[in-house]
């Protein structure tokens, strides 16, 4: 469109005459005035509109998207509620799992084996939460959201509560909570 406007500036200058209205028979005696003034940009745009230039009404309107199921505000709020529920379920599973791991794997004598067994238990809990989330049939456009929702909080809270519960249970074994005494 800018190209056509710039080309319109180099057109040969014409003398413009206003066209008399054919229905108006009273104004036949008014003389026609000639001007050497070129048309303004709005007049030149009106003259140049064709198959290459859009209509002025189309410029102001954003392109229309076809409605999809994801655009429904009710579905968005339901999806938001389900992803929030998934997040808090993972938080609860991590806290409970960290404490349970302390008691369940207390019988394992080797520290290295205890650590890897607890981490494997944490991974199994996380997979269980992903399976539960899939059964809820959350309408998520990006399927990675099932896995990424709350993963950082899950891992850190699991480890925190596992270490804290282990420390509280075995605090009396070393002679007290305060080390180096």
C-alpha atoms as a PDB file:
ATOM      1  CA  UNK A   1       0.000   0.000   0.000  1.00  0.00           C
ATOM      2  CA  UNK A   2       2.865   2.376   0.767  1.00  0.00           C
ATOM      3  CA  UNK A   3       4.336   1.625  -2.646  1.00  0.00           C
ATOM      4  CA  UNK A   4       1.101   2.630  -4.372  1.00  0.00           C
ATOM      5  CA  UNK A   5       0.896   5.831  -2.360  1.00  0.00           C
ATOM      6  CA  UNK A   6       4.482   6.690  -3.219  1.00  0.00           C
ATOM      7  CA  UNK A   7       3.799   5.952  -6.897  1.00  0.00           C
ATOM      8  CA  UNK A   8       0.712   8.140  -6.733  1.00  0.00           C
ATOM      9  CA  UNK A   9       2.925  11.106  -5.887  1.00  0.00           C
ATOM     10  CA  UNK A  10       4.717  10.834  -9.249  1.00  0.00           C
ATOM     11  CA  UNK A  11       1.556  10.803 -11.355  1.00  0.00           C
ATOM     12  CA  UNK A  12       1.024  13.539 -13.815  1.00  0.00           C
ATOM     13  CA  UNK A  13      -0.767  16.483 -12.287  1.00  0.00           C
ATOM     14  CA  UNK A  14      -4.318  16.879 -13.492  1.00  0.00           C
ATOM     15  CA  UNK A  15      -6.737  19.644 -13.184  1.00  0.00           C
ATOM     16  CA  UNK A  16      -9.533  18.417 -10.990  1.00  0.00           C
ATOM     17  CA  UNK A  17     -13.150  19.333 -11.561  1.00  0.00           C
ATOM     18  CA  UNK A  18     -15.885  18.518  -9.158  1.00  0.00           C
ATOM     19  CA  UNK A  19     -18.571  16.474 -10.850  1.00  0.00           C
ATOM     20  CA  UNK A  20     -22.024  18.075 -10.714  1.00  0.00           C
ATOM     21  CA  UNK A  21     -24.773  15.988  -9.230  1.00  0.00           C
ATOM     22  CA  UNK A  22     -27.138  14.878 -12.044  1.00  0.00           C
ATOM     23  CA  UNK A  23     -30.147  15.098  -9.730  1.00  0.00           C
ATOM     24  CA  UNK A  24     -29.351  18.669  -8.833  1.00  0.00           C
ATOM     25  CA  UNK A  25     -30.859  20.813 -11.626  1.00  0.00           C
ATOM     26  CA  UNK A  26     -30.725  24.067  -9.667  1.00  0.00           C
ATOM     27  CA  UNK A  27     -26.938  24.373  -9.658  1.00  0.00           C
ATOM     28  CA  UNK A  28     -26.349  24.442 -13.433  1.00  0.00           C
ATOM     29  CA  UNK A  29     -25.298  28.052 -13.364  1.00  0.00           C
ATOM     30  CA  UNK A  30     -22.407  27.488 -10.884  1.00  0.00           C
ATOM     31  CA  UNK A  31     -19.104  27.637 -12.760  1.00  0.00           C
ATOM     32  CA  UNK A  32     -16.740  24.690 -12.489  1.00  0.00           C
ATOM     33  CA  UNK A  33     -13.491  25.516 -10.677  1.00  0.00           C
ATOM     34  CA  UNK A  34     -10.122  24.152 -11.726  1.00  0.00           C
ATOM     35  CA  UNK A  35      -7.425  23.396  -9.171  1.00  0.00           C
ATOM     36  CA  UNK A  36      -3.775  22.524  -9.506  1.00  0.00           C
ATOM     37  CA  UNK A  37      -3.736  21.136  -6.006  1.00  0.00           C
ATOM     38  CA  UNK A  38      -3.019  17.380  -5.891  1.00  0.00           C
ATOM     39  CA  UNK A  39      -5.406  15.218  -3.899  1.00  0.00           C
ATOM     40  CA  UNK A  40      -4.664  14.520  -0.248  1.00  0.00           C
ATOM     41  CA  UNK A  41      -3.591  11.071   0.931  1.00  0.00           C
ATOM     42  CA  UNK A  42      -7.132  10.074   1.848  1.00  0.00           C
ATOM     43  CA  UNK A  43      -8.351  11.040  -1.617  1.00  0.00           C
ATOM     44  CA  UNK A  44      -5.481   9.177  -3.284  1.00  0.00           C
ATOM     45  CA  UNK A  45      -6.191   6.090  -1.145  1.00  0.00           C
ATOM     46  CA  UNK A  46      -9.812   6.192  -2.253  1.00  0.00           C
ATOM     47  CA  UNK A  47      -8.698   6.332  -5.884  1.00  0.00           C
ATOM     48  CA  UNK A  48      -6.131   3.574  -5.478  1.00  0.00           C
ATOM     49  CA  UNK A  49      -8.228   0.979  -3.711  1.00  0.00           C
ATOM     50  CA  UNK A  50      -8.313  -2.088  -5.804  1.00  0.00           C
ATOM     51  CA  UNK A  51      -7.363  -5.706  -5.595  1.00  0.00           C
ATOM     52  CA  UNK A  52      -3.916  -4.927  -4.115  1.00  0.00           C
ATOM     53  CA  UNK A  53      -4.980  -2.629  -1.284  1.00  0.00           C
ATOM     54  CA  UNK A  54      -7.174  -3.664   1.646  1.00  0.00           C
ATOM     55  CA  UNK A  55     -10.300  -1.818   2.563  1.00  0.00           C
ATOM     56  CA  UNK A  56      -9.904   0.769   5.362  1.00  0.00           C
ATOM     57  CA  UNK A  57     -12.318  -1.155   7.612  1.00  0.00           C
ATOM     58  CA  UNK A  58     -10.075  -4.227   7.422  1.00  0.00           C
ATOM     59  CA  UNK A  59      -7.059  -2.374   8.822  1.00  0.00           C
ATOM     60  CA  UNK A  60      -8.685  -1.642  12.170  1.00  0.00           C
ATOM     61  CA  UNK A  61     -10.022  -5.133  12.846  1.00  0.00           C
ATOM     62  CA  UNK A  62      -7.738  -7.916  14.091  1.00  0.00           C
ATOM     63  CA  UNK A  63      -7.810 -11.135  12.085  1.00  0.00           C
ATOM     64  CA  UNK A  64     -10.614 -13.402  13.179  1.00  0.00           C
ATOM     65  CA  UNK A  65      -9.660 -16.833  14.519  1.00  0.00           C
ATOM     66  CA  UNK A  66     -12.055 -19.706  14.209  1.00  0.00           C
ATOM     67  CA  UNK A  67     -13.425 -20.606  17.654  1.00  0.00           C
ATOM     68  CA  UNK A  68     -11.881 -23.685  19.202  1.00  0.00           C
ATOM     69  CA  UNK A  69     -12.616 -25.731  22.279  1.00  0.00           C
ATOM     70  CA  UNK A  70      -9.615 -24.176  24.052  1.00  0.00           C
ATOM     71  CA  UNK A  71     -11.065 -20.638  23.750  1.00  0.00           C
ATOM     72  CA  UNK A  72     -14.019 -21.352  26.018  1.00  0.00           C
ATOM     73  CA  UNK A  73     -13.514 -19.528  29.358  1.00  0.00           C
ATOM     74  CA  UNK A  74     -15.340 -22.300  31.216  1.00  0.00           C
ATOM     75  CA  UNK A  75     -12.860 -24.881  29.917  1.00  0.00           C
ATOM     76  CA  UNK A  76      -9.919 -22.639  30.822  1.00  0.00           C
ATOM     77  CA  UNK A  77     -11.086 -22.291  34.400  1.00  0.00           C
ATOM     78  CA  UNK A  78     -11.710 -26.042  34.653  1.00  0.00           C
ATOM     79  CA  UNK A  79      -8.239 -26.726  33.251  1.00  0.00           C
ATOM     80  CA  UNK A  80      -6.729 -24.229  35.683  1.00  0.00           C
ATOM     81  CA  UNK A  81      -8.501 -25.879  38.607  1.00  0.00           C
ATOM     82  CA  UNK A  82      -7.323 -29.343  37.556  1.00  0.00           C
ATOM     83  CA  UNK A  83      -3.709 -28.235  37.098  1.00  0.00           C
ATOM     84  CA  UNK A  84      -3.843 -26.543  40.497  1.00  0.00           C
ATOM     85  CA  UNK A  85      -5.210 -29.753  41.974  1.00  0.00           C
ATOM     86  CA  UNK A  86      -2.377 -31.692  40.293  1.00  0.00           C
ATOM     87  CA  UNK A  87       0.185 -29.305  41.769  1.00  0.00           C
ATOM     88  CA  UNK A  88      -1.156 -29.599  45.321  1.00  0.00           C
ATOM     89  CA  UNK A  89      -1.557 -33.366  44.985  1.00  0.00           C
ATOM     90  CA  UNK A  90       2.119 -33.611  44.073  1.00  0.00           C
ATOM     91  CA  UNK A  91       3.027 -31.431  47.052  1.00  0.00           C
ATOM     92  CA  UNK A  92       1.040 -33.713  49.398  1.00  0.00           C
ATOM     93  CA  UNK A  93       2.516 -36.881  47.845  1.00  0.00           C
ATOM     94  CA  UNK A  94       6.053 -35.487  48.229  1.00  0.00           C
ATOM     95  CA  UNK A  95       5.593 -34.592  51.905  1.00  0.00           C
ATOM     96  CA  UNK A  96       3.959 -37.908  52.767  1.00  0.00           C
ATOM     97  CA  UNK A  97       6.441 -39.831  50.595  1.00  0.00           C
ATOM     98  CA  UNK A  98       9.448 -38.197  52.252  1.00  0.00           C
ATOM     99  CA  UNK A  99       8.233 -39.146  55.727  1.00  0.00           C
ATOM    100  CA  UNK A 100       7.204 -42.671  54.652  1.00  0.00           C
ATOM    101  CA  UNK A 101      10.619 -43.235  53.021  1.00  0.00           C
ATOM    102  CA  UNK A 102      12.273 -42.575  56.371  1.00  0.00           C
ATOM    103  CA  UNK A 103      10.323 -45.342  58.082  1.00  0.00           C
ATOM    104  CA  UNK A 104      10.070 -47.865  55.229  1.00  0.00           C
ATOM    105  CA  UNK A 105      13.741 -47.846  54.261  1.00  0.00           C
ATOM    106  CA  UNK A 106      15.099 -47.650  57.824  1.00  0.00           C
ATOM    107  CA  UNK A 107      15.850 -51.405  57.801  1.00  0.00           C
ATOM    108  CA  UNK A 108      18.372 -51.052  54.947  1.00  0.00           C
ATOM    109  CA  UNK A 109      21.842 -51.064  56.505  1.00  0.00           C
ATOM    110  CA  UNK A 110      23.873 -49.724  53.588  1.00  0.00           C
ATOM    111  CA  UNK A 111      23.602 -45.925  53.377  1.00  0.00           C
ATOM    112  CA  UNK A 112      24.212 -45.831  49.631  1.00  0.00           C
ATOM    113  CA  UNK A 113      21.528 -48.460  48.968  1.00  0.00           C
ATOM    114  CA  UNK A 114      19.100 -46.608  51.254  1.00  0.00           C
ATOM    115  CA  UNK A 115      19.670 -43.362  49.343  1.00  0.00           C
ATOM    116  CA  UNK A 116      19.105 -44.875  45.869  1.00  0.00           C
ATOM    117  CA  UNK A 117      16.085 -46.853  47.046  1.00  0.00           C
ATOM    118  CA  UNK A 118      14.506 -43.673  48.403  1.00  0.00           C
ATOM    119  CA  UNK A 119      15.205 -41.785  45.166  1.00  0.00           C
ATOM    120  CA  UNK A 120      13.658 -44.663  43.200  1.00  0.00           C
ATOM    121  CA  UNK A 121      10.611 -44.476  45.505  1.00  0.00           C
ATOM    122  CA  UNK A 122      10.390 -40.728  44.809  1.00  0.00           C
ATOM    123  CA  UNK A 123      10.419 -41.373  41.043  1.00  0.00           C
ATOM    124  CA  UNK A 124       7.706 -44.027  41.387  1.00  0.00           C
ATOM    125  CA  UNK A 125       5.541 -41.598  43.384  1.00  0.00           C
ATOM    126  CA  UNK A 126       5.969 -38.966  40.689  1.00  0.00           C
ATOM    127  CA  UNK A 127       4.998 -41.425  37.956  1.00  0.00           C
ATOM    128  CA  UNK A 128       1.937 -42.362  40.028  1.00  0.00           C
ATOM    129  CA  UNK A 129       0.888 -38.701  40.165  1.00  0.00           C
ATOM    130  CA  UNK A 130       1.329 -38.438  36.383  1.00  0.00           C
ATOM    131  CA  UNK A 131      -0.906 -41.495  35.877  1.00  0.00           C
ATOM    132  CA  UNK A 132      -3.541 -40.011  38.182  1.00  0.00           C
ATOM    133  CA  UNK A 133      -3.372 -36.722  36.256  1.00  0.00           C
ATOM    134  CA  UNK A 134      -3.869 -38.556  32.950  1.00  0.00           C
ATOM    135  CA  UNK A 135      -6.997 -40.183  34.349  1.00  0.00           C
ATOM    136  CA  UNK A 136      -8.468 -36.728  35.050  1.00  0.00           C
ATOM    137  CA  UNK A 137      -8.366 -35.952  31.313  1.00  0.00           C
ATOM    138  CA  UNK A 138      -7.150 -32.401  31.733  1.00  0.00           C
ATOM    139  CA  UNK A 139      -7.509 -30.510  28.455  1.00  0.00           C
ATOM    140  CA  UNK A 140      -3.964 -29.198  28.083  1.00  0.00           C
ATOM    141  CA  UNK A 141      -2.624 -28.049  24.726  1.00  0.00           C
ATOM    142  CA  UNK A 142       0.969 -28.840  25.686  1.00  0.00           C
ATOM    143  CA  UNK A 143       1.242 -32.424  26.941  1.00  0.00           C
ATOM    144  CA  UNK A 144       4.518 -31.635  28.742  1.00  0.00           C
ATOM    145  CA  UNK A 145       2.417 -29.764  31.287  1.00  0.00           C
ATOM    146  CA  UNK A 146       1.368 -33.108  32.818  1.00  0.00           C
ATOM    147  CA  UNK A 147       4.978 -33.758  33.755  1.00  0.00           C
ATOM    148  CA  UNK A 148       6.291 -30.259  34.427  1.00  0.00           C
ATOM    149  CA  UNK A 149       3.533 -29.061  36.742  1.00  0.00           C
ATOM    150  CA  UNK A 150       5.056 -28.950  40.230  1.00  0.00           C
ATOM    151  CA  UNK A 151       8.107 -31.105  39.472  1.00  0.00           C
ATOM    152  CA  UNK A 152      10.581 -28.805  41.218  1.00  0.00           C
ATOM    153  CA  UNK A 153       8.436 -28.447  44.311  1.00  0.00           C
ATOM    154  CA  UNK A 154       7.846 -32.197  44.362  1.00  0.00           C
ATOM    155  CA  UNK A 155      11.546 -33.078  44.299  1.00  0.00           C
ATOM    156  CA  UNK A 156      12.683 -30.485  46.829  1.00  0.00           C
ATOM    157  CA  UNK A 157       9.863 -31.057  49.301  1.00  0.00           C
ATOM    158  CA  UNK A 158      10.339 -34.834  49.105  1.00  0.00           C
ATOM    159  CA  UNK A 159      14.041 -34.474  49.843  1.00  0.00           C
ATOM    160  CA  UNK A 160      13.444 -31.869  52.551  1.00  0.00           C
ATOM    161  CA  UNK A 161      10.877 -33.950  54.443  1.00  0.00           C
ATOM    162  CA  UNK A 162      12.890 -37.137  53.981  1.00  0.00           C
ATOM    163  CA  UNK A 163      16.000 -35.508  55.474  1.00  0.00           C
ATOM    164  CA  UNK A 164      14.066 -33.650  58.185  1.00  0.00           C
ATOM    165  CA  UNK A 165      12.123 -36.728  59.339  1.00  0.00           C
ATOM    166  CA  UNK A 166      15.289 -38.850  59.304  1.00  0.00           C
ATOM    167  CA  UNK A 167      17.108 -36.186  61.345  1.00  0.00           C
ATOM    168  CA  UNK A 168      14.307 -35.911  63.896  1.00  0.00           C
ATOM    169  CA  UNK A 169      13.990 -39.686  64.314  1.00  0.00           C
ATOM    170  CA  UNK A 170      17.723 -40.332  64.638  1.00  0.00           C
ATOM    171  CA  UNK A 171      18.588 -37.207  66.650  1.00  0.00           C
ATOM    172  CA  UNK A 172      18.907 -39.182  69.884  1.00  0.00           C
ATOM    173  CA  UNK A 173      21.306 -41.717  68.347  1.00  0.00           C
ATOM    174  CA  UNK A 174      24.252 -39.319  68.396  1.00  0.00           C
ATOM    175  CA  UNK A 175      23.586 -37.809  71.792  1.00  0.00           C
ATOM    176  CA  UNK A 176      21.559 -34.744  70.860  1.00  0.00           C
ATOM    177  CA  UNK A 177      20.360 -32.462  68.093  1.00  0.00           C
ATOM    178  CA  UNK A 178      23.295 -30.055  68.360  1.00  0.00           C
ATOM    179  CA  UNK A 179      26.308 -31.519  66.549  1.00  0.00           C
ATOM    180  CA  UNK A 180      29.905 -31.197  67.798  1.00  0.00           C
ATOM    181  CA  UNK A 181      29.117 -31.116  71.515  1.00  0.00           C
END
